[in-house]
Amino acid sequence: IRLMMRILTLLAFMRWRERFSYVLEGVNRAATATGEVKGSYLNVTAGTMEQMYERAEFSKIIGSVIIMIDLVIGYTAIQSMAIWARNNDMILHLHRAGNSTYARQKNHGINFRVI
């Protein structure tokens, strides 16, 4: 499911604005129905910083309090998104798609705690 969500986030034909809005609508409906706090991590990972900032800003506008980025964007982009999140009172979740594949190996890979 994680890999599928990553693919859906990056494909050009995916309408991320509509998807983000639809997800938040479902979250709000579930919260109203149960009386519990609900949420979803909206994956703002994209090909450029400008696109990620645009997605993050849209997420904030529609009422999300948490966004997600994928580790593969690189350290500089991770830091830039962390600064954006702090400045905008948003929670930032760093996702590592496919980590379980290489984390099981004892002789190669990277420990996520290093990041």
PDB file of N, CA and C in Angstrom:
ATOM      1  N   ILE A   1       0.834  -1.189   0.000  1.00  0.00           N
ATOM      2  CA  ILE A   1       0.000   0.000   0.000  1.00  0.00           C
ATOM      3  C   ILE A   1       0.880   1.254   0.000  1.00  0.00           C
ATOM      4  N   ARG A   2       1.970   1.248   0.781  1.00  0.00           N
ATOM      5  CA  ARG A   2       2.843   2.428   0.821  1.00  0.00           C
ATOM      6  C   ARG A   2       3.434   2.724  -0.550  1.00  0.00           C
ATOM      7  N   LEU A   3       3.918   1.668  -1.223  1.00  0.00           N
ATOM      8  CA  LEU A   3       4.494   1.872  -2.551  1.00  0.00           C
ATOM      9  C   LEU A   3       3.435   2.400  -3.498  1.00  0.00           C
ATOM     10  N   MET A   4       2.226   1.871  -3.399  1.00  0.00           N
ATOM     11  CA  MET A   4       1.146   2.341  -4.258  1.00  0.00           C
ATOM     12  C   MET A   4       0.840   3.817  -3.985  1.00  0.00           C
ATOM     13  N   MET A   5       0.818   4.223  -2.713  1.00  0.00           N
ATOM     14  CA  MET A   5       0.565   5.629  -2.395  1.00  0.00           C
ATOM     15  C   MET A   5       1.670   6.520  -2.944  1.00  0.00           C
ATOM     16  N   ARG A   6       2.912   6.032  -2.891  1.00  0.00           N
ATOM     17  CA  ARG A   6       4.027   6.806  -3.442  1.00  0.00           C
ATOM     18  C   ARG A   6       3.862   6.971  -4.945  1.00  0.00           C
ATOM     19  N   ILE A   7       3.513   5.892  -5.631  1.00  0.00           N
ATOM     20  CA  ILE A   7       3.309   5.956  -7.075  1.00  0.00           C
ATOM     21  C   ILE A   7       2.166   6.915  -7.396  1.00  0.00           C
ATOM     22  N   LEU A   8       1.081   6.819  -6.646  1.00  0.00           N
ATOM     23  CA  LEU A   8      -0.064   7.699  -6.887  1.00  0.00           C
ATOM     24  C   LEU A   8       0.284   9.158  -6.653  1.00  0.00           C
ATOM     25  N   THR A   9       1.202   9.411  -5.744  1.00  0.00           N
ATOM     26  CA  THR A   9       1.597  10.786  -5.451  1.00  0.00           C
ATOM     27  C   THR A   9       2.426  11.384  -6.574  1.00  0.00           C
ATOM     28  N   LEU A  10       3.217  10.571  -7.250  1.00  0.00           N
ATOM     29  CA  LEU A  10       4.171  11.092  -8.220  1.00  0.00           C
ATOM     30  C   LEU A  10       3.665  11.098  -9.656  1.00  0.00           C
ATOM     31  N   LEU A  11       2.666  10.306  -9.971  1.00  0.00           N
ATOM     32  CA  LEU A  11       2.204  10.242 -11.353  1.00  0.00           C
ATOM     33  C   LEU A  11       1.510  11.530 -11.766  1.00  0.00           C
ATOM     34  N   ALA A  12       1.842  11.975 -12.978  1.00  0.00           N
ATOM     35  CA  ALA A  12       1.329  13.263 -13.461  1.00  0.00           C
ATOM     36  C   ALA A  12      -0.193  13.280 -13.592  1.00  0.00           C
ATOM     37  N   PHE A  13      -0.793  12.146 -13.927  1.00  0.00           N
ATOM     38  CA  PHE A  13      -2.241  12.135 -14.139  1.00  0.00           C
ATOM     39  C   PHE A  13      -3.038  12.115 -12.835  1.00  0.00           C
ATOM     40  N   MET A  14      -2.349  11.945 -11.724  1.00  0.00           N
ATOM     41  CA  MET A  14      -3.056  11.949 -10.445  1.00  0.00           C
ATOM     42  C   MET A  14      -3.349  13.388 -10.035  1.00  0.00           C
ATOM     43  N   ARG A  15      -4.579  13.655  -9.772  1.00  0.00           N
ATOM     44  CA  ARG A  15      -4.992  14.999  -9.366  1.00  0.00           C
ATOM     45  C   ARG A  15      -4.840  15.117  -7.853  1.00  0.00           C
ATOM     46  N   TRP A  16      -3.672  15.562  -7.415  1.00  0.00           N
ATOM     47  CA  TRP A  16      -3.380  15.554  -5.988  1.00  0.00           C
ATOM     48  C   TRP A  16      -4.290  16.483  -5.202  1.00  0.00           C
ATOM     49  N   ARG A  17      -4.685  17.606  -5.777  1.00  0.00           N
ATOM     50  CA  ARG A  17      -5.586  18.514  -5.042  1.00  0.00           C
ATOM     51  C   ARG A  17      -6.908  17.815  -4.727  1.00  0.00           C
ATOM     52  N   GLU A  18      -7.465  17.169  -5.745  1.00  0.00           N
ATOM     53  CA  GLU A  18      -8.731  16.456  -5.546  1.00  0.00           C
ATOM     54  C   GLU A  18      -8.555  15.312  -4.561  1.00  0.00           C
ATOM     55  N   ARG A  19      -7.442  14.602  -4.646  1.00  0.00           N
ATOM     56  CA  ARG A  19      -7.189  13.479  -3.752  1.00  0.00           C
ATOM     57  C   ARG A  19      -7.023  13.964  -2.318  1.00  0.00           C
ATOM     58  N   PHE A  20      -6.247  15.027  -2.117  1.00  0.00           N
ATOM     59  CA  PHE A  20      -6.065  15.568  -0.769  1.00  0.00           C
ATOM     60  C   PHE A  20      -7.408  16.004  -0.181  1.00  0.00           C
ATOM     61  N   SER A  21      -8.209  16.698  -0.982  1.00  0.00           N
ATOM     62  CA  SER A  21      -9.520  17.167  -0.515  1.00  0.00           C
ATOM     63  C   SER A  21     -10.425  15.996  -0.167  1.00  0.00           C
ATOM     64  N   TYR A  22     -10.417  14.970  -1.007  1.00  0.00           N
ATOM     65  CA  TYR A  22     -11.242  13.789  -0.778  1.00  0.00           C
ATOM     66  C   TYR A  22     -10.823  13.083   0.513  1.00  0.00           C
ATOM     67  N   VAL A  23      -9.525  12.962   0.735  1.00  0.00           N
ATOM     68  CA  VAL A  23      -9.024  12.315   1.952  1.00  0.00           C
ATOM     69  C   VAL A  23      -9.457  13.094   3.190  1.00  0.00           C
ATOM     70  N   LEU A  24      -9.276  14.415   3.168  1.00  0.00           N
ATOM     71  CA  LEU A  24      -9.656  15.231   4.332  1.00  0.00           C
ATOM     72  C   LEU A  24     -11.159  15.201   4.567  1.00  0.00           C
ATOM     73  N   GLU A  25     -11.927  15.118   3.498  1.00  0.00           N
ATOM     74  CA  GLU A  25     -13.381  14.991   3.641  1.00  0.00           C
ATOM     75  C   GLU A  25     -13.713  13.703   4.387  1.00  0.00           C
ATOM     76  N   GLY A  26     -13.059  12.615   4.031  1.00  0.00           N
ATOM     77  CA  GLY A  26     -13.269  11.341   4.712  1.00  0.00           C
ATOM     78  C   GLY A  26     -12.829  11.378   6.165  1.00  0.00           C
ATOM     79  N   VAL A  27     -11.706  12.011   6.420  1.00  0.00           N
ATOM     80  CA  VAL A  27     -11.203  12.155   7.786  1.00  0.00           C
ATOM     81  C   VAL A  27     -12.208  12.926   8.633  1.00  0.00           C
ATOM     82  N   ASN A  28     -12.691  14.034   8.116  1.00  0.00           N
ATOM     83  CA  ASN A  28     -13.663  14.850   8.859  1.00  0.00           C
ATOM     84  C   ASN A  28     -14.976  14.109   9.080  1.00  0.00           C
ATOM     85  N   ARG A  29     -15.416  13.361   8.078  1.00  0.00           N
ATOM     86  CA  ARG A  29     -16.648  12.583   8.212  1.00  0.00           C
ATOM     87  C   ARG A  29     -16.484  11.514   9.297  1.00  0.00           C
ATOM     88  N   ALA A  30     -15.338  10.833   9.311  1.00  0.00           N
ATOM     89  CA  ALA A  30     -15.088   9.795  10.313  1.00  0.00           C
ATOM     90  C   ALA A  30     -14.990  10.395  11.713  1.00  0.00           C
ATOM     91  N   ALA A  31     -14.352  11.554  11.826  1.00  0.00           N
ATOM     92  CA  ALA A  31     -14.232  12.211  13.132  1.00  0.00           C
ATOM     93  C   ALA A  31     -15.598  12.621  13.665  1.00  0.00           C
ATOM     94  N   THR A  32     -16.442  13.132  12.786  1.00  0.00           N
ATOM     95  CA  THR A  32     -17.795  13.533  13.182  1.00  0.00           C
ATOM     96  C   THR A  32     -18.615  12.321  13.612  1.00  0.00           C
ATOM     97  N   ALA A  33     -18.497  11.238  12.857  1.00  0.00           N
ATOM     98  CA  ALA A  33     -19.290  10.039  13.145  1.00  0.00           C
ATOM     99  C   ALA A  33     -18.871   9.358  14.443  1.00  0.00           C
ATOM    100  N   THR A  34     -17.591   9.388  14.765  1.00  0.00           N
ATOM    101  CA  THR A  34     -17.102   8.662  15.938  1.00  0.00           C
ATOM    102  C   THR A  34     -16.861   9.542  17.154  1.00  0.00           C
ATOM    103  N   GLY A  35     -16.739  10.845  16.936  1.00  0.00           N
ATOM    104  CA  GLY A  35     -16.398  11.736  18.035  1.00  0.00           C
ATOM    105  C   GLY A  35     -14.935  11.637  18.436  1.00  0.00           C
ATOM    106  N   GLU A  36     -14.143  10.939  17.640  1.00  0.00           N
ATOM    107  CA  GLU A  36     -12.715  10.766  17.908  1.00  0.00           C
ATOM    108  C   GLU A  36     -11.889  11.643  16.975  1.00  0.00           C
ATOM    109  N   VAL A  37     -10.680  11.949  17.399  1.00  0.00           N
ATOM    110  CA  VAL A  37      -9.754  12.689  16.541  1.00  0.00           C
ATOM    111  C   VAL A  37      -9.226  11.742  15.470  1.00  0.00           C
ATOM    112  N   LYS A  38      -9.305  12.150  14.234  1.00  0.00           N
ATOM    113  CA  LYS A  38      -8.819  11.350  13.105  1.00  0.00           C
ATOM    114  C   LYS A  38      -7.840  12.186  12.301  1.00  0.00           C
ATOM    115  N   GLY A  39      -7.061  11.537  11.469  1.00  0.00           N
ATOM    116  CA  GLY A  39      -6.120  12.272  10.636  1.00  0.00           C
ATOM    117  C   GLY A  39      -5.571  11.404   9.529  1.00  0.00           C
ATOM    118  N   SER A  40      -4.834  12.030   8.649  1.00  0.00           N
ATOM    119  CA  SER A  40      -4.186  11.328   7.552  1.00  0.00           C
ATOM    120  C   SER A  40      -2.913  12.074   7.189  1.00  0.00           C
ATOM    121  N   TYR A  41      -1.893  11.346   6.813  1.00  0.00           N
ATOM    122  CA  TYR A  41      -0.630  11.947   6.402  1.00  0.00           C
ATOM    123  C   TYR A  41      -0.707  12.190   4.903  1.00  0.00           C
ATOM    124  N   LEU A  42      -0.790  13.437   4.490  1.00  0.00           N
ATOM    125  CA  LEU A  42      -0.854  13.757   3.067  1.00  0.00           C
ATOM    126  C   LEU A  42       0.564  13.811   2.515  1.00  0.00           C
ATOM    127  N   ASN A  43       0.850  12.960   1.532  1.00  0.00           N
ATOM    128  CA  ASN A  43       2.192  12.853   0.968  1.00  0.00           C
ATOM    129  C   ASN A  43       2.423  13.986  -0.020  1.00  0.00           C
ATOM    130  N   VAL A  44       3.258  14.943   0.357  1.00  0.00           N
ATOM    131  CA  VAL A  44       3.525  16.106  -0.488  1.00  0.00           C
ATOM    132  C   VAL A  44       4.786  15.927  -1.330  1.00  0.00           C
ATOM    133  N   THR A  45       5.367  14.739  -1.328  1.00  0.00           N
ATOM    134  CA  THR A  45       6.565  14.465  -2.122  1.00  0.00           C
ATOM    135  C   THR A  45       6.295  14.761  -3.588  1.00  0.00           C
ATOM    136  N   ALA A  46       7.219  15.481  -4.207  1.00  0.00           N
ATOM    137  CA  ALA A  46       7.072  15.849  -5.619  1.00  0.00           C
ATOM    138  C   ALA A  46       8.462  16.030  -6.224  1.00  0.00           C
ATOM    139  N   GLY A  47       8.491  16.367  -7.492  1.00  0.00           N
ATOM    140  CA  GLY A  47       9.749  16.470  -8.222  1.00  0.00           C
ATOM    141  C   GLY A  47      10.575  17.703  -7.929  1.00  0.00           C
ATOM    142  N   THR A  48       9.956  18.779  -7.441  1.00  0.00           N
ATOM    143  CA  THR A  48      10.690  20.012  -7.142  1.00  0.00           C
ATOM    144  C   THR A  48      10.251  20.560  -5.793  1.00  0.00           C
ATOM    145  N   MET A  49      11.085  21.407  -5.226  1.00  0.00           N
ATOM    146  CA  MET A  49      10.729  22.046  -3.961  1.00  0.00           C
ATOM    147  C   MET A  49       9.487  22.906  -4.127  1.00  0.00           C
ATOM    148  N   GLU A  50       9.394  23.600  -5.246  1.00  0.00           N
ATOM    149  CA  GLU A  50       8.226  24.457  -5.481  1.00  0.00           C
ATOM    150  C   GLU A  50       6.939  23.646  -5.445  1.00  0.00           C
ATOM    151  N   GLN A  51       6.965  22.463  -6.060  1.00  0.00           N
ATOM    152  CA  GLN A  51       5.778  21.602  -6.061  1.00  0.00           C
ATOM    153  C   GLN A  51       5.469  21.100  -4.653  1.00  0.00           C
ATOM    154  N   MET A  52       6.504  20.765  -3.891  1.00  0.00           N
ATOM    155  CA  MET A  52       6.269  20.293  -2.527  1.00  0.00           C
ATOM    156  C   MET A  52       5.727  21.411  -1.643  1.00  0.00           C
ATOM    157  N   TYR A  53       6.266  22.616  -1.789  1.00  0.00           N
ATOM    158  CA  TYR A  53       5.729  23.751  -1.033  1.00  0.00           C
ATOM    159  C   TYR A  53       4.270  24.009  -1.407  1.00  0.00           C
ATOM    160  N   GLU A  54       3.960  23.906  -2.696  1.00  0.00           N
ATOM    161  CA  GLU A  54       2.582  24.121  -3.154  1.00  0.00           C
ATOM    162  C   GLU A  54       1.643  23.090  -2.536  1.00  0.00           C
ATOM    163  N   ARG A  55       2.050  21.839  -2.541  1.00  0.00           N
ATOM    164  CA  ARG A  55       1.222  20.780  -1.967  1.00  0.00           C
ATOM    165  C   ARG A  55       1.082  20.947  -0.456  1.00  0.00           C
ATOM    166  N   ALA A  56       2.169  21.304   0.199  1.00  0.00           N
ATOM    167  CA  ALA A  56       2.126  21.500   1.650  1.00  0.00           C
ATOM    168  C   ALA A  56       1.204  22.663   2.011  1.00  0.00           C
ATOM    169  N   GLU A  57       1.310  23.744   1.273  1.00  0.00           N
ATOM    170  CA  GLU A  57       0.450  24.911   1.522  1.00  0.00           C
ATOM    171  C   GLU A  57      -1.021  24.553   1.313  1.00  0.00           C
ATOM    172  N   PHE A  58      -1.310  23.812   0.253  1.00  0.00           N
ATOM    173  CA  PHE A  58      -2.685  23.388  -0.008  1.00  0.00           C
ATOM    174  C   PHE A  58      -3.182  22.503   1.135  1.00  0.00           C
ATOM    175  N   SER A  59      -2.327  21.598   1.610  1.00  0.00           N
ATOM    176  CA  SER A  59      -2.699  20.729   2.728  1.00  0.00           C
ATOM    177  C   SER A  59      -3.088  21.547   3.948  1.00  0.00           C
ATOM    178  N   LYS A  60      -2.319  22.574   4.217  1.00  0.00           N
ATOM    179  CA  LYS A  60      -2.608  23.448   5.357  1.00  0.00           C
ATOM    180  C   LYS A  60      -3.927  24.186   5.157  1.00  0.00           C
ATOM    181  N   ILE A  61      -4.142  24.707   3.968  1.00  0.00           N
ATOM    182  CA  ILE A  61      -5.356  25.472   3.666  1.00  0.00           C
ATOM    183  C   ILE A  61      -6.614  24.631   3.861  1.00  0.00           C
ATOM    184  N   ILE A  62      -6.556  23.353   3.461  1.00  0.00           N
ATOM    185  CA  ILE A  62      -7.755  22.517   3.570  1.00  0.00           C
ATOM    186  C   ILE A  62      -7.925  21.905   4.958  1.00  0.00           C
ATOM    187  N   GLY A  63      -7.003  22.204   5.873  1.00  0.00           N
ATOM    188  CA  GLY A  63      -7.209  21.804   7.257  1.00  0.00           C
ATOM    189  C   GLY A  63      -6.354  20.674   7.782  1.00  0.00           C
ATOM    190  N   SER A  64      -5.411  20.190   7.011  1.00  0.00           N
ATOM    191  CA  SER A  64      -4.527  19.139   7.506  1.00  0.00           C
ATOM    192  C   SER A  64      -3.552  19.727   8.512  1.00  0.00           C
ATOM    193  N   VAL A  65      -3.145  18.919   9.488  1.00  0.00           N
ATOM    194  CA  VAL A  65      -2.146  19.372  10.453  1.00  0.00           C
ATOM    195  C   VAL A  65      -0.836  18.612  10.303  1.00  0.00           C
ATOM    196  N   ILE A  66      -0.820  17.614   9.413  1.00  0.00           N
ATOM    197  CA  ILE A  66       0.382  16.806   9.225  1.00  0.00           C
ATOM    198  C   ILE A  66       0.599  16.523   7.745  1.00  0.00           C
ATOM    199  N   ILE A  67       1.842  16.624   7.320  1.00  0.00           N
ATOM    200  CA  ILE A  67       2.213  16.272   5.953  1.00  0.00           C
ATOM    201  C   ILE A  67       3.317  15.227   6.009  1.00  0.00           C
ATOM    202  N   MET A  68       3.500  14.545   4.905  1.00  0.00           N
ATOM    203  CA  MET A  68       4.497  13.489   4.831  1.00  0.00           C
ATOM    204  C   MET A  68       5.382  13.726   3.620  1.00  0.00           C
ATOM    205  N   ILE A  69       6.675  13.451   3.780  1.00  0.00           N
ATOM    206  CA  ILE A  69       7.600  13.468   2.656  1.00  0.00           C
ATOM    207  C   ILE A  69       8.361  12.157   2.648  1.00  0.00           C
ATOM    208  N   ASP A  70       8.877  11.787   1.501  1.00  0.00           N
ATOM    209  CA  ASP A  70       9.640  10.555   1.371  1.00  0.00           C
ATOM    210  C   ASP A  70      11.122  10.854   1.518  1.00  0.00           C
ATOM    211  N   LEU A  71      11.816   9.980   2.193  1.00  0.00           N
ATOM    212  CA  LEU A  71      13.247  10.091   2.417  1.00  0.00           C
ATOM    213  C   LEU A  71      14.034  10.308   1.125  1.00  0.00           C
ATOM    214  N   VAL A  72      13.551   9.801   0.024  1.00  0.00           N
ATOM    215  CA  VAL A  72      14.305   9.869  -1.233  1.00  0.00           C
ATOM    216  C   VAL A  72      14.464  11.286  -1.772  1.00  0.00           C
ATOM    217  N   ILE A  73      13.794  12.275  -1.196  1.00  0.00           N
ATOM    218  CA  ILE A  73      13.948  13.640  -1.708  1.00  0.00           C
ATOM    219  C   ILE A  73      15.315  14.216  -1.388  1.00  0.00           C
ATOM    220  N   GLY A  74      16.031  13.634  -0.442  1.00  0.00           N
ATOM    221  CA  GLY A  74      17.383  14.088  -0.125  1.00  0.00           C
ATOM    222  C   GLY A  74      17.435  14.963   1.114  1.00  0.00           C
ATOM    223  N   TYR A  75      18.641  15.051   1.682  1.00  0.00           N
ATOM    224  CA  TYR A  75      18.818  15.743   2.954  1.00  0.00           C
ATOM    225  C   TYR A  75      18.489  17.232   2.890  1.00  0.00           C
ATOM    226  N   THR A  76      18.909  17.912   1.837  1.00  0.00           N
ATOM    227  CA  THR A  76      18.645  19.349   1.737  1.00  0.00           C
ATOM    228  C   THR A  76      17.150  19.616   1.632  1.00  0.00           C
ATOM    229  N   ALA A  77      16.462  18.823   0.821  1.00  0.00           N
ATOM    230  CA  ALA A  77      15.017  18.989   0.671  1.00  0.00           C
ATOM    231  C   ALA A  77      14.286  18.636   1.970  1.00  0.00           C
ATOM    232  N   ILE A  78      14.768  17.616   2.671  1.00  0.00           N
ATOM    233  CA  ILE A  78      14.167  17.258   3.960  1.00  0.00           C
ATOM    234  C   ILE A  78      14.276  18.437   4.926  1.00  0.00           C
ATOM    235  N   GLN A  79      15.462  19.027   4.993  1.00  0.00           N
ATOM    236  CA  GLN A  79      15.669  20.170   5.888  1.00  0.00           C
ATOM    237  C   GLN A  79      14.786  21.347   5.486  1.00  0.00           C
ATOM    238  N   SER A  80      14.673  21.596   4.192  1.00  0.00           N
ATOM    239  CA  SER A  80      13.839  22.704   3.706  1.00  0.00           C
ATOM    240  C   SER A  80      12.380  22.491   4.079  1.00  0.00           C
ATOM    241  N   MET A  81      11.893  21.264   3.930  1.00  0.00           N
ATOM    242  CA  MET A  81      10.504  20.976   4.292  1.00  0.00           C
ATOM    243  C   MET A  81      10.307  21.045   5.807  1.00  0.00           C
ATOM    244  N   ALA A  82      11.327  20.656   6.577  1.00  0.00           N
ATOM    245  CA  ALA A  82      11.235  20.751   8.037  1.00  0.00           C
ATOM    246  C   ALA A  82      11.112  22.212   8.469  1.00  0.00           C
ATOM    247  N   ILE A  83      11.881  23.081   7.842  1.00  0.00           N
ATOM    248  CA  ILE A  83      11.798  24.513   8.147  1.00  0.00           C
ATOM    249  C   ILE A  83      10.419  25.048   7.775  1.00  0.00           C
ATOM    250  N   TRP A  84       9.917  24.658   6.597  1.00  0.00           N
ATOM    251  CA  TRP A  84       8.583  25.101   6.178  1.00  0.00           C
ATOM    252  C   TRP A  84       7.541  24.649   7.202  1.00  0.00           C
ATOM    253  N   ALA A  85       7.620  23.378   7.612  1.00  0.00           N
ATOM    254  CA  ALA A  85       6.639  22.842   8.559  1.00  0.00           C
ATOM    255  C   ALA A  85       6.678  23.598   9.889  1.00  0.00           C
ATOM    256  N   ARG A  86       7.870  23.862  10.397  1.00  0.00           N
ATOM    257  CA  ARG A  86       7.980  24.623  11.655  1.00  0.00           C
ATOM    258  C   ARG A  86       7.389  26.018  11.511  1.00  0.00           C
ATOM    259  N   ASN A  87       7.696  26.672  10.416  1.00  0.00           N
ATOM    260  CA  ASN A  87       7.193  28.034  10.194  1.00  0.00           C
ATOM    261  C   ASN A  87       5.683  28.084   9.991  1.00  0.00           C
ATOM    262  N   ASN A  88       5.084  26.950   9.635  1.00  0.00           N
ATOM    263  CA  ASN A  88       3.650  26.904   9.346  1.00  0.00           C
ATOM    264  C   ASN A  88       2.865  26.076  10.357  1.00  0.00           C
ATOM    265  N   ASP A  89       3.486  25.774  11.500  1.00  0.00           N
ATOM    266  CA  ASP A  89       2.817  25.006  12.565  1.00  0.00           C
ATOM    267  C   ASP A  89       2.224  23.699  12.061  1.00  0.00           C
ATOM    268  N   MET A  90       2.965  23.013  11.223  1.00  0.00           N
ATOM    269  CA  MET A  90       2.539  21.717  10.690  1.00  0.00           C
ATOM    270  C   MET A  90       3.465  20.631  11.231  1.00  0.00           C
ATOM    271  N   ILE A  91       2.918  19.439  11.384  1.00  0.00           N
ATOM    272  CA  ILE A  91       3.721  18.280  11.758  1.00  0.00           C
ATOM    273  C   ILE A  91       4.273  17.680  10.468  1.00  0.00           C
ATOM    274  N   LEU A  92       5.547  17.313  10.483  1.00  0.00           N
ATOM    275  CA  LEU A  92       6.181  16.709   9.312  1.00  0.00           C
ATOM    276  C   LEU A  92       6.567  15.275   9.637  1.00  0.00           C
ATOM    277  N   HIS A  93       6.099  14.346   8.822  1.00  0.00           N
ATOM    278  CA  HIS A  93       6.437  12.933   8.974  1.00  0.00           C
ATOM    279  C   HIS A  93       7.354  12.546   7.828  1.00  0.00           C
ATOM    280  N   LEU A  94       8.483  11.949   8.158  1.00  0.00           N
ATOM    281  CA  LEU A  94       9.421  11.485   7.141  1.00  0.00           C
ATOM    282  C   LEU A  94       9.175  10.008   6.899  1.00  0.00           C
ATOM    283  N   HIS A  95       8.802   9.675   5.689  1.00  0.00           N
ATOM    284  CA  HIS A  95       8.453   8.313   5.296  1.00  0.00           C
ATOM    285  C   HIS A  95       9.621   7.701   4.543  1.00  0.00           C
ATOM    286  N   ARG A  96       9.807   6.441   4.694  1.00  0.00           N
ATOM    287  CA  ARG A  96      10.887   5.762   3.988  1.00  0.00           C
ATOM    288  C   ARG A  96      10.340   4.566   3.219  1.00  0.00           C
ATOM    289  N   ALA A  97       9.817   4.826   2.052  1.00  0.00           N
ATOM    290  CA  ALA A  97       9.222   3.777   1.219  1.00  0.00           C
ATOM    291  C   ALA A  97      10.255   2.697   0.919  1.00  0.00           C
ATOM    292  N   GLY A  98       9.859   1.463   1.106  1.00  0.00           N
ATOM    293  CA  GLY A  98      10.735   0.336   0.801  1.00  0.00           C
ATOM    294  C   GLY A  98      11.778   0.044   1.860  1.00  0.00           C
ATOM    295  N   ASN A  99      11.764   0.762   2.977  1.00  0.00           N
ATOM    296  CA  ASN A  99      12.796   0.573   3.995  1.00  0.00           C
ATOM    297  C   ASN A  99      12.874  -0.864   4.485  1.00  0.00           C
ATOM    298  N   SER A 100      11.743  -1.511   4.647  1.00  0.00           N
ATOM    299  CA  SER A 100      11.769  -2.869   5.187  1.00  0.00           C
ATOM    300  C   SER A 100      12.547  -3.822   4.292  1.00  0.00           C
ATOM    301  N   THR A 101      12.633  -3.498   3.011  1.00  0.00           N
ATOM    302  CA  THR A 101      13.368  -4.350   2.082  1.00  0.00           C
ATOM    303  C   THR A 101      14.854  -4.355   2.391  1.00  0.00           C
ATOM    304  N   TYR A 102      15.431  -3.196   2.628  1.00  0.00           N
ATOM    305  CA  TYR A 102      16.872  -3.160   2.866  1.00  0.00           C
ATOM    306  C   TYR A 102      17.251  -3.097   4.345  1.00  0.00           C
ATOM    307  N   ALA A 103      16.326  -2.761   5.220  1.00  0.00           N
ATOM    308  CA  ALA A 103      16.654  -2.661   6.642  1.00  0.00           C
ATOM    309  C   ALA A 103      16.860  -4.033   7.278  1.00  0.00           C
ATOM    310  N   ARG A 104      16.310  -5.065   6.677  1.00  0.00           N
ATOM    311  CA  ARG A 104      16.472  -6.412   7.213  1.00  0.00           C
ATOM    312  C   ARG A 104      17.897  -6.932   7.035  1.00  0.00           C
ATOM    313  N   GLN A 105      18.613  -6.383   6.075  1.00  0.00           N
ATOM    314  CA  GLN A 105      19.960  -6.850   5.780  1.00  0.00           C
ATOM    315  C   GLN A 105      20.942  -6.273   6.799  1.00  0.00           C
ATOM    316  N   LYS A 106      21.743  -7.122   7.391  1.00  0.00           N
ATOM    317  CA  LYS A 106      22.666  -6.669   8.427  1.00  0.00           C
ATOM    318  C   LYS A 106      23.961  -6.093   7.854  1.00  0.00           C
ATOM    319  N   ASN A 107      24.270  -6.398   6.596  1.00  0.00           N
ATOM    320  CA  ASN A 107      25.567  -5.994   6.049  1.00  0.00           C
ATOM    321  C   ASN A 107      25.498  -4.846   5.040  1.00  0.00           C
ATOM    322  N   HIS A 108      24.344  -4.241   4.841  1.00  0.00           N
ATOM    323  CA  HIS A 108      24.268  -3.061   3.974  1.00  0.00           C
ATOM    324  C   HIS A 108      23.036  -2.233   4.319  1.00  0.00           C
ATOM    325  N   GLY A 109      22.972  -1.035   3.771  1.00  0.00           N
ATOM    326  CA  GLY A 109      21.842  -0.148   4.037  1.00  0.00           C
ATOM    327  C   GLY A 109      22.237   0.952   5.003  1.00  0.00           C
ATOM    328  N   ILE A 110      21.255   1.713   5.444  1.00  0.00           N
ATOM    329  CA  ILE A 110      21.490   2.821   6.370  1.00  0.00           C
ATOM    330  C   ILE A 110      20.478   2.731   7.507  1.00  0.00           C
ATOM    331  N   ASN A 111      20.930   3.024   8.679  1.00  0.00           N
ATOM    332  CA  ASN A 111      20.037   3.048   9.820  1.00  0.00           C
ATOM    333  C   ASN A 111      19.271   4.366   9.790  1.00  0.00           C
ATOM    334  N   PHE A 112      17.966   4.300   9.845  1.00  0.00           N
ATOM    335  CA  PHE A 112      17.133   5.497   9.740  1.00  0.00           C
ATOM    336  C   PHE A 112      17.420   6.485  10.866  1.00  0.00           C
ATOM    337  N   ARG A 113      17.869   5.994  12.016  1.00  0.00           N
ATOM    338  CA  ARG A 113      18.153   6.881  13.143  1.00  0.00           C
ATOM    339  C   ARG A 113      19.270   7.876  12.824  1.00  0.00           C
ATOM    340  N   VAL A 114      20.125   7.537  11.874  1.00  0.00           N
ATOM    341  CA  VAL A 114      21.205   8.439  11.469  1.00  0.00           C
ATOM    342  C   VAL A 114      20.627   9.720  10.887  1.00  0.00           C
ATOM    343  N   ILE A 115      19.525   9.598  10.173  1.00  0.00           N
ATOM    344  CA  ILE A 115      18.908  10.729   9.501  1.00  0.00           C
ATOM    345  C   ILE A 115      18.168  11.568  10.508  1.00  0.00           C
TER     346      ILE A 115
END
